[in-house]
C-alpha atoms as a PDB file:
ATOM      1  CA  MET A   1     -31.473 -15.959 -26.089  1.00  0.00           C
ATOM      2  CA  PHE A   2     -32.625 -13.428 -23.474  1.00  0.00           C
ATOM      3  CA  PRO A   3     -31.771 -15.675 -20.469  1.00  0.00           C
ATOM      4  CA  ALA A   4     -28.218 -16.184 -21.802  1.00  0.00           C
ATOM      5  CA  ALA A   5     -27.794 -12.437 -22.355  1.00  0.00           C
ATOM      6  CA  MET A   6     -29.136 -11.738 -18.872  1.00  0.00           C
ATOM      7  CA  LEU A   7     -26.705 -14.234 -17.330  1.00  0.00           C
ATOM      8  CA  ILE A   8     -23.799 -12.591 -19.168  1.00  0.00           C
ATOM      9  CA  MET A   9     -24.889  -9.166 -17.901  1.00  0.00           C
ATOM     10  CA  VAL A  10     -25.090 -10.431 -14.309  1.00  0.00           C
ATOM     11  CA  VAL A  11     -21.603 -11.988 -14.518  1.00  0.00           C
ATOM     12  CA  LEU A  12     -20.149  -8.810 -16.053  1.00  0.00           C
ATOM     13  CA  GLY A  13     -21.834  -6.731 -13.347  1.00  0.00           C
ATOM     14  CA  ALA A  14     -20.307  -8.969 -10.694  1.00  0.00           C
ATOM     15  CA  ILE A  15     -16.863  -8.545 -12.203  1.00  0.00           C
ATOM     16  CA  VAL A  16     -17.316  -4.767 -12.246  1.00  0.00           C
ATOM     17  CA  ILE A  17     -18.244  -4.752  -8.557  1.00  0.00           C
ATOM     18  CA  ASP A  18     -15.168  -6.750  -7.532  1.00  0.00           C
ATOM     19  CA  VAL A  19     -12.788  -4.821  -9.779  1.00  0.00           C
ATOM     20  CA  GLY A  20     -14.232  -1.543  -8.486  1.00  0.00           C
ATOM     21  CA  LEU A  21     -13.758  -2.671  -4.879  1.00  0.00           C
ATOM     22  CA  SER A  22     -10.146  -3.633  -5.626  1.00  0.00           C
ATOM     23  CA  GLN A  23      -9.467  -0.260  -7.273  1.00  0.00           C
ATOM     24  CA  VAL A  24     -10.930   1.677  -4.351  1.00  0.00           C
ATOM     25  CA  ARG A  25      -8.851  -0.320  -1.861  1.00  0.00           C
ATOM     26  CA  ALA A  26      -5.738   0.206  -4.018  1.00  0.00           C
ATOM     27  CA  ARG A  27      -6.247   3.984  -3.969  1.00  0.00           C
ATOM     28  CA  GLU A  28      -6.806   3.925  -0.215  1.00  0.00           C
ATOM     29  CA  LEU A  29      -3.658   1.822   0.200  1.00  0.00           C
ATOM     30  CA  ASP A  30      -1.708   4.395  -1.862  1.00  0.00           C
ATOM     31  CA  ALA A  31      -2.805   7.131   0.539  1.00  0.00           C
ATOM     32  CA  VAL A  32      -2.000   5.057   3.624  1.00  0.00           C
ATOM     33  CA  ALA A  33       1.437   4.145   2.227  1.00  0.00           C
ATOM     34  CA  ALA A  34       2.199   7.811   1.518  1.00  0.00           C
ATOM     35  CA  SER A  35       1.143   8.785   5.019  1.00  0.00           C
ATOM     36  CA  ALA A  36       3.230   5.998   6.554  1.00  0.00           C
ATOM     37  CA  ALA A  37       6.264   7.020   4.470  1.00  0.00           C
ATOM     38  CA  ASN A  38       5.945  10.620   5.670  1.00  0.00           C
ATOM     39  CA  ASP A  39       5.623   9.505   9.281  1.00  0.00           C
ATOM     40  CA  THR A  40       8.619   7.178   8.948  1.00  0.00           C
ATOM     41  CA  LEU A  41      10.879  10.192   8.464  1.00  0.00           C
ATOM     42  CA  GLY A  42      10.650  10.500  12.243  1.00  0.00           C
ATOM     43  CA  ALA A  43      13.059   7.564  12.489  1.00  0.00           C
ATOM     44  CA  LEU A  44      15.872   9.404  10.683  1.00  0.00           C
ATOM     45  CA  ASP A  45      19.015  10.207  12.624  1.00  0.00           C
ATOM     46  CA  ILE A  46      18.806  13.992  12.274  1.00  0.00           C
ATOM     47  CA  HIS A  47      22.120  14.621  14.039  1.00  0.00           C
ATOM     48  CA  GLN A  48      23.971  12.368  11.565  1.00  0.00           C
ATOM     49  CA  LEU A  49      22.165  13.963   8.621  1.00  0.00           C
ATOM     50  CA  ARG A  50      23.091  17.496   9.722  1.00  0.00           C
ATOM     51  CA  THR A  51      26.671  16.598  10.638  1.00  0.00           C
ATOM     52  CA  ASP A  52      27.913  14.859   7.513  1.00  0.00           C
ATOM     53  CA  GLY A  53      24.867  14.425   5.294  1.00  0.00           C
ATOM     54  CA  THR A  54      24.664  10.671   5.844  1.00  0.00           C
ATOM     55  CA  VAL A  55      21.122   9.313   5.806  1.00  0.00           C
ATOM     56  CA  ARG A  56      20.683   6.747   8.542  1.00  0.00           C
ATOM     57  CA  LEU A  57      17.384   5.179   9.551  1.00  0.00           C
ATOM     58  CA  ASP A  58      16.636   3.349  12.771  1.00  0.00           C
ATOM     59  CA  GLN A  59      15.014   0.330  11.097  1.00  0.00           C
ATOM     60  CA  HIS A  60      13.081  -0.976  14.110  1.00  0.00           C
ATOM     61  CA  ARG A  61      11.741   2.459  14.970  1.00  0.00           C
ATOM     62  CA  ALA A  62      10.840   3.123  11.323  1.00  0.00           C
ATOM     63  CA  VAL A  63       8.862  -0.117  11.065  1.00  0.00           C
ATOM     64  CA  ALA A  64       7.103   0.635  14.368  1.00  0.00           C
ATOM     65  CA  ILE A  65       6.179   4.138  13.167  1.00  0.00           C
ATOM     66  CA  ALA A  66       4.911   2.808   9.828  1.00  0.00           C
ATOM     67  CA  GLU A  67       2.844   0.109  11.545  1.00  0.00           C
ATOM     68  CA  ALA A  68       1.343   2.685  13.917  1.00  0.00           C
ATOM     69  CA  ALA A  69       0.457   4.941  10.968  1.00  0.00           C
ATOM     70  CA  VAL A  70      -1.223   2.035   9.178  1.00  0.00           C
ATOM     71  CA  ALA A  71      -3.128   0.956  12.300  1.00  0.00           C
ATOM     72  CA  ALA A  72      -4.481   4.492  12.753  1.00  0.00           C
ATOM     73  CA  GLY A  73      -5.595   4.768   9.119  1.00  0.00           C
ATOM     74  CA  PRO A  74      -8.667   3.556   7.249  1.00  0.00           C
ATOM     75  CA  LEU A  75      -7.077   0.165   6.373  1.00  0.00           C
ATOM     76  CA  PRO A  76      -5.855  -1.329   9.676  1.00  0.00           C
ATOM     77  CA  ASP A  77      -5.589  -4.769   8.020  1.00  0.00           C
ATOM     78  CA  ALA A  78      -2.769  -3.574   5.761  1.00  0.00           C
ATOM     79  CA  VAL A  79       0.633  -5.058   6.524  1.00  0.00           C
ATOM     80  CA  VAL A  80       3.953  -3.231   6.381  1.00  0.00           C
ATOM     81  CA  THR A  81       6.194  -5.503   4.303  1.00  0.00           C
ATOM     82  CA  GLU A  82       9.237  -3.271   3.868  1.00  0.00           C
ATOM     83  CA  VAL A  83      10.740   0.004   5.032  1.00  0.00           C
ATOM     84  CA  ALA A  84      13.971   0.894   3.248  1.00  0.00           C
ATOM     85  CA  ILE A  85      16.250   3.726   2.244  1.00  0.00           C
ATOM     86  CA  THR A  86      16.579   3.882  -1.531  1.00  0.00           C
ATOM     87  CA  THR A  87      17.579   6.536  -4.046  1.00  0.00           C
ATOM     88  CA  ASP A  88      15.404   8.324  -6.556  1.00  0.00           C
ATOM     89  CA  SER A  89      16.225   8.863 -10.229  1.00  0.00           C
ATOM     90  CA  LEU A  90      18.422  11.869  -9.359  1.00  0.00           C
ATOM     91  CA  GLY A  91      20.411   9.986  -6.726  1.00  0.00           C
ATOM     92  CA  ARG A  92      18.751  11.652  -3.745  1.00  0.00           C
ATOM     93  CA  PRO A  93      18.004   9.430  -0.741  1.00  0.00           C
ATOM     94  CA  GLU A  94      14.403   8.521  -0.044  1.00  0.00           C
ATOM     95  CA  VAL A  95      12.498   6.438   2.462  1.00  0.00           C
ATOM     96  CA  ALA A  96      10.238   3.857   0.825  1.00  0.00           C
ATOM     97  CA  VAL A  97       7.410   2.035   2.584  1.00  0.00           C
ATOM     98  CA  THR A  98       5.736  -1.003   1.022  1.00  0.00           C
ATOM     99  CA  LEU A  99       2.305  -2.140   2.203  1.00  0.00           C
ATOM    100  CA  GLN A 100       0.249  -5.202   1.355  1.00  0.00           C
ATOM    101  CA  LEU A 101      -3.494  -5.679   1.716  1.00  0.00           C
ATOM    102  CA  GLU A 102      -5.660  -8.714   1.111  1.00  0.00           C
ATOM    103  CA  VAL A 103      -9.066  -7.748  -0.277  1.00  0.00           C
ATOM    104  CA  ARG A 104     -11.903 -10.217   0.167  1.00  0.00           C
ATOM    105  CA  LEU A 105     -13.992 -10.097  -2.997  1.00  0.00           C
ATOM    106  CA  ILE A 106     -17.793  -9.891  -2.846  1.00  0.00           C
ATOM    107  CA  ILE A 107     -19.201 -11.644  -5.898  1.00  0.00           C
ATOM    108  CA  ALA A 108     -16.271 -13.633  -7.347  1.00  0.00           C
ATOM    109  CA  PRO A 109     -16.477 -16.438  -4.744  1.00  0.00           C
ATOM    110  CA  ALA A 110     -19.946 -17.317  -6.067  1.00  0.00           C
ATOM    111  CA  LEU A 111     -18.614 -17.711  -9.609  1.00  0.00           C
ATOM    112  CA  PRO A 112     -16.781 -20.796 -10.886  1.00  0.00           C
ATOM    113  CA  GLY A 113     -13.125 -20.805  -9.886  1.00  0.00           C
ATOM    114  CA  ASP A 114     -11.402 -20.233  -6.580  1.00  0.00           C
ATOM    115  CA  LEU A 115     -10.900 -16.471  -6.537  1.00  0.00           C
ATOM    116  CA  GLU A 116     -11.947 -15.228  -3.113  1.00  0.00           C
ATOM    117  CA  ILE A 117      -9.108 -12.897  -2.137  1.00  0.00           C
ATOM    118  CA  THR A 118      -6.865 -10.608  -4.154  1.00  0.00           C
ATOM    119  CA  THR A 119      -3.630  -9.159  -2.807  1.00  0.00           C
ATOM    120  CA  ILE A 120      -2.658  -5.546  -3.450  1.00  0.00           C
ATOM    121  CA  ARG A 121       0.860  -4.164  -2.878  1.00  0.00           C
ATOM    122  CA  ARG A 122       1.746  -0.490  -2.965  1.00  0.00           C
ATOM    123  CA  THR A 123       4.980   1.382  -2.324  1.00  0.00           C
ATOM    124  CA  ALA A 124       5.273   5.063  -1.435  1.00  0.00           C
ATOM    125  CA  ALA A 125       8.533   6.960  -1.132  1.00  0.00           C
ATOM    126  CA  VAL A 126       9.477  10.286   0.406  1.00  0.00           C
ATOM    127  CA  THR A 127      12.554  12.045  -0.956  1.00  0.00           C
ATOM    128  CA  ILE A 128      14.912  13.524   1.615  1.00  0.00           C
ATOM    129  CA  LEU A 129      16.100  16.922   0.459  1.00  0.00           C
ATOM    130  CA  GLY A 130      19.310  17.954   2.200  1.00  0.00           C
END
């Protein structure tokens, strides 16, 4: 009975390690996405915003800024999947940046099944206050 209990403990410990790694990477990706969203505000057309209040974003410049922010951060393997202007719950415009990161698991590949990589997606948004 002891060998079976020990095997169960080892498998549970392995799961904890991989889940913990995924959670840490998810929190790091949240921070990187927030930083990229803040930096992306540099692609706003300030003249248009001040003139008539219209929020316009240079999409190519915004994506380039977000990619540069990600490359300079702690997760350079993260991929910018979307940069968009959306609205928050109060109808205010906001810039949203969505990132994706593939996390290579440590212990799960040794267990039965084919789980080697898990994909994490996070979106951060910055509200533009007129």
